[in-house]
Amino acid sequence: MKLIVVTGLIGSGKGEVARYIAEKHGYTLLDHSAIMGKMLRGMGRSETREEKAKLRLEQGNTFTAEIIVKEIQKRGLKKVVIGSSRRPEEFLAARKAFPEAKLVVVEASGRLRYARLQKRVRDRPKDWESFLRVDKKEEKMFSLKETFSHADFVIKNNSSLKDLHAMIDKVMGKI
C-alpha cells in the first residue's frame, strides 16, 4: 500500500500536486475538501470555508480521515493520494491506519499564493491585508505548523508548472 497525504497553505498548489500524482503516477485521489463539500451539499448548506469549519466542529477533526480510511479499506486500494489534508489529526489518523503513509508539504511564498488566489472565483482575498488575516486564521484553526512538522517531503512551488511537476516526479521516485 502506498499512501501519500498532501498538505500546504491556501494557494500553495497542494491541489495541483495531488491531481498530478493521481494522473501521472496512477494513484486514486481522495480529497478531504471534496468529502466535506458533498456532505454540505447534502445538508443544503453552502461550500464555504466557514461552513467547512463548522462541519469539522460538528463532526470532529478526524471525520473525513475516517471516511477516507474506510473507503481505502472497502475498495482495497493500493495507491492513494489524499488531497486537502490540513489538520495534524487528519494525517495522524491516516498514518495510524497505514503506517507507511507519507506527508508531502507544498510551500510557496506569500506573494505568489496571494497572486494565485486573485485568479480564483472563491476564496479570493480583497487585498493583501485580508490575505494575511486569512493566512494567520488558518494557521491557528488547522494547527498547520504541527501538521507540517510531520513532513516526509517538502515541495517548494515558487516557479513554473513544469518545474513543479519535475519536483513531484523526483519525490515520487523516493516513495
Protein backbone atom coordinates (compact mmCIF):
# COMPACT_ATOMS: atom_id res chain seq x y z
CA MET A 1 0.00 0.00 0.00
CA LYS A 2 1.31 3.42 -0.95
CA LEU A 3 -0.41 6.38 0.67
CA ILE A 4 0.59 9.99 0.11
CA VAL A 5 -1.06 12.82 2.03
CA VAL A 6 -0.67 16.32 0.56
CA THR A 7 -0.93 19.49 2.62
CA GLY A 8 0.01 23.15 2.37
CA LEU A 9 -1.19 26.67 2.91
CA ILE A 10 -4.01 28.14 0.85
CA GLY A 11 -2.80 28.85 -2.69
CA SER A 12 0.37 26.78 -2.30
CA GLY A 13 -0.56 24.34 -5.05
CA LYS A 14 -1.47 21.32 -2.94
CA GLY A 15 -4.46 20.55 -5.19
CA GLU A 16 -2.27 20.56 -8.30
CA VAL A 17 0.26 18.28 -6.58
CA ALA A 18 -2.43 15.77 -5.58
CA ARG A 19 -4.03 15.85 -9.06
CA TYR A 20 -0.67 15.37 -10.80
CA ILE A 21 0.24 12.40 -8.58
CA ALA A 22 -3.13 10.82 -9.37
CA GLU A 23 -2.97 11.45 -13.12
CA LYS A 24 0.73 10.91 -13.84
CA HIS A 25 1.54 8.22 -11.29
CA GLY A 26 -1.71 6.25 -11.26
CA TYR A 27 -2.89 6.99 -7.73
CA THR A 28 -6.52 7.19 -6.65
CA LEU A 29 -7.29 10.72 -5.44
CA LEU A 30 -9.40 11.08 -2.29
CA ASP A 31 -9.93 14.60 -1.01
CA HIS A 32 -10.94 15.95 2.42
CA SER A 33 -12.45 19.10 0.94
CA ALA A 34 -14.48 17.17 -1.65
CA ILE A 35 -15.91 14.93 1.08
CA MET A 36 -16.95 17.96 3.12
CA GLY A 37 -18.41 19.65 0.05
CA LYS A 38 -20.53 16.60 -0.75
CA MET A 39 -21.77 16.42 2.83
CA LEU A 40 -22.59 20.13 2.93
CA ARG A 41 -24.48 19.95 -0.36
CA GLY A 42 -26.45 17.00 1.01
CA MET A 43 -27.39 19.12 4.03
CA GLY A 44 -28.42 22.05 1.84
CA ARG A 45 -25.52 24.16 3.11
CA SER A 46 -23.03 26.25 1.13
CA GLU A 47 -19.49 25.02 0.49
CA THR A 48 -17.68 27.96 2.07
CA ARG A 49 -14.57 27.72 4.22
CA GLU A 50 -16.70 28.85 7.16
CA GLU A 51 -19.25 26.06 6.63
CA LYS A 52 -16.46 23.50 6.34
CA ALA A 53 -15.00 24.76 9.63
CA LYS A 54 -18.44 24.44 11.27
CA LEU A 55 -18.79 20.91 9.89
CA ARG A 56 -15.44 19.97 11.43
CA LEU A 57 -16.64 21.31 14.78
CA GLU A 58 -19.86 19.32 14.47
CA GLN A 59 -18.29 16.06 13.26
CA GLY A 60 -14.83 16.16 14.86
CA ASN A 61 -11.38 16.81 13.43
CA THR A 62 -10.85 13.31 12.06
CA PHE A 63 -14.22 12.56 10.48
CA THR A 64 -13.04 13.00 6.88
CA ALA A 65 -9.89 10.97 7.57
CA GLU A 66 -12.04 8.19 9.00
CA ILE A 67 -14.24 8.24 5.88
CA ILE A 68 -11.14 8.08 3.66
CA VAL A 69 -9.57 5.21 5.63
CA LYS A 70 -12.81 3.20 5.38
CA GLU A 71 -13.03 3.93 1.65
CA ILE A 72 -9.44 2.73 1.08
CA GLN A 73 -10.09 -0.46 3.04
CA LYS A 74 -13.50 -1.11 1.43
CA ARG A 75 -12.16 -0.70 -2.11
CA GLY A 76 -8.83 -2.42 -1.41
CA LEU A 77 -6.92 0.49 -2.92
CA LYS A 78 -3.16 0.07 -3.25
CA LYS A 79 -2.03 3.56 -4.34
CA VAL A 80 -3.82 6.56 -2.85
CA VAL A 81 -3.10 10.29 -2.72
CA ILE A 82 -5.12 12.29 -0.20
CA GLY A 83 -5.64 15.94 -1.05
CA SER A 84 -6.64 18.94 1.05
CA SER A 85 -5.35 17.50 4.30
CA ARG A 86 -4.88 20.29 6.79
CA ARG A 87 -5.11 19.24 10.43
CA PRO A 88 -2.47 17.10 12.12
CA GLU A 89 -5.22 14.73 13.30
CA GLU A 90 -6.16 14.00 9.68
CA PHE A 91 -2.65 12.93 8.76
CA LEU A 92 -2.09 11.03 12.01
CA ALA A 93 -5.36 9.10 11.54
CA ALA A 94 -4.18 8.09 8.06
CA ARG A 95 -0.75 7.09 9.37
CA LYS A 96 -2.30 5.11 12.22
CA ALA A 97 -4.30 3.05 9.72
CA PHE A 98 -1.46 2.93 7.18
CA PRO A 99 1.95 3.33 8.92
CA GLU A 100 3.71 3.69 5.54
CA ALA A 101 1.80 6.93 4.80
CA LYS A 102 3.98 9.82 3.62
CA LEU A 103 3.22 13.50 4.16
CA VAL A 104 4.13 15.92 1.37
CA VAL A 105 4.05 19.61 2.32
CA VAL A 106 3.68 22.08 -0.55
CA GLU A 107 5.17 25.52 0.12
CA ALA A 108 5.01 28.77 -1.84
CA SER A 109 5.82 32.37 -1.00
CA GLY A 110 3.06 34.54 0.44
CA ARG A 111 3.12 36.93 -2.52
CA LEU A 112 2.82 34.09 -5.01
CA ARG A 113 -0.02 32.44 -3.08
CA TYR A 114 -1.81 35.80 -2.92
CA ALA A 115 -1.41 36.24 -6.69
CA ARG A 116 -2.79 32.74 -7.31
CA LEU A 117 -5.79 33.41 -5.08
CA GLN A 118 -6.56 36.59 -7.01
CA LYS A 119 -7.27 34.37 -10.03
CA ARG A 120 -9.85 32.29 -8.17
CA VAL A 121 -13.56 32.93 -8.01
CA ARG A 122 -13.86 31.51 -4.49
CA ASP A 123 -11.51 32.24 -1.59
CA ARG A 124 -10.23 35.41 -3.27
CA PRO A 125 -8.98 37.90 -0.66
CA LYS A 126 -9.96 41.55 -1.19
CA ASP A 127 -6.43 42.78 -0.57
CA TRP A 128 -3.03 41.82 0.87
CA GLU A 129 -4.10 42.56 4.45
CA SER A 130 -7.17 40.31 4.09
CA PHE A 131 -4.92 37.57 2.74
CA LEU A 132 -2.60 37.88 5.74
CA ARG A 133 -5.56 37.69 8.14
CA VAL A 134 -6.88 34.54 6.44
CA ASP A 135 -3.40 33.01 6.46
CA LYS A 136 -2.99 33.65 10.18
CA LYS A 137 -6.52 32.42 10.96
CA GLU A 138 -5.99 29.19 9.02
CA GLU A 139 -2.63 28.54 10.67
CA LYS A 140 -4.31 28.71 14.06
CA MET A 141 -7.54 26.94 13.10
CA PHE A 142 -5.81 23.99 11.42
CA SER A 143 -2.63 23.82 13.57
CA LEU A 144 -0.69 23.85 10.31
CA LYS A 145 2.77 24.15 11.88
CA GLU A 146 2.10 20.95 13.78
CA THR A 147 0.85 19.26 10.62
CA PHE A 148 3.92 20.41 8.68
CA SER A 149 6.21 19.07 11.43
CA HIS A 150 5.32 15.53 10.28
CA ALA A 151 6.54 16.17 6.71
CA ASP A 152 8.40 13.42 4.90
CA PHE A 153 8.90 15.65 1.85
CA VAL A 154 8.65 19.39 1.15
CA ILE A 155 7.99 20.71 -2.34
CA LYS A 156 8.74 24.39 -2.92
CA ASN A 157 6.26 25.64 -5.52
CA ASN A 158 7.69 29.06 -6.39
CA SER A 159 8.35 28.52 -10.09
CA SER A 160 6.62 27.17 -13.19
CA LEU A 161 4.15 24.31 -13.50
CA LYS A 162 6.81 22.37 -15.43
CA ASP A 163 9.25 22.81 -12.53
CA LEU A 164 6.57 21.76 -10.03
CA HIS A 165 5.87 18.59 -11.98
CA ALA A 166 9.61 17.81 -12.11
CA MET A 167 9.85 18.23 -8.32
CA ILE A 168 6.84 15.96 -7.81
CA ASP A 169 8.38 13.31 -10.08
CA LYS A 170 11.60 13.49 -8.04
CA VAL A 171 9.68 12.97 -4.78
CA MET A 172 7.69 10.12 -6.33
CA GLY A 173 10.96 8.41 -7.23
CA LYS A 174 11.72 8.22 -3.50
CA ILE A 175 8.34 6.83 -2.43
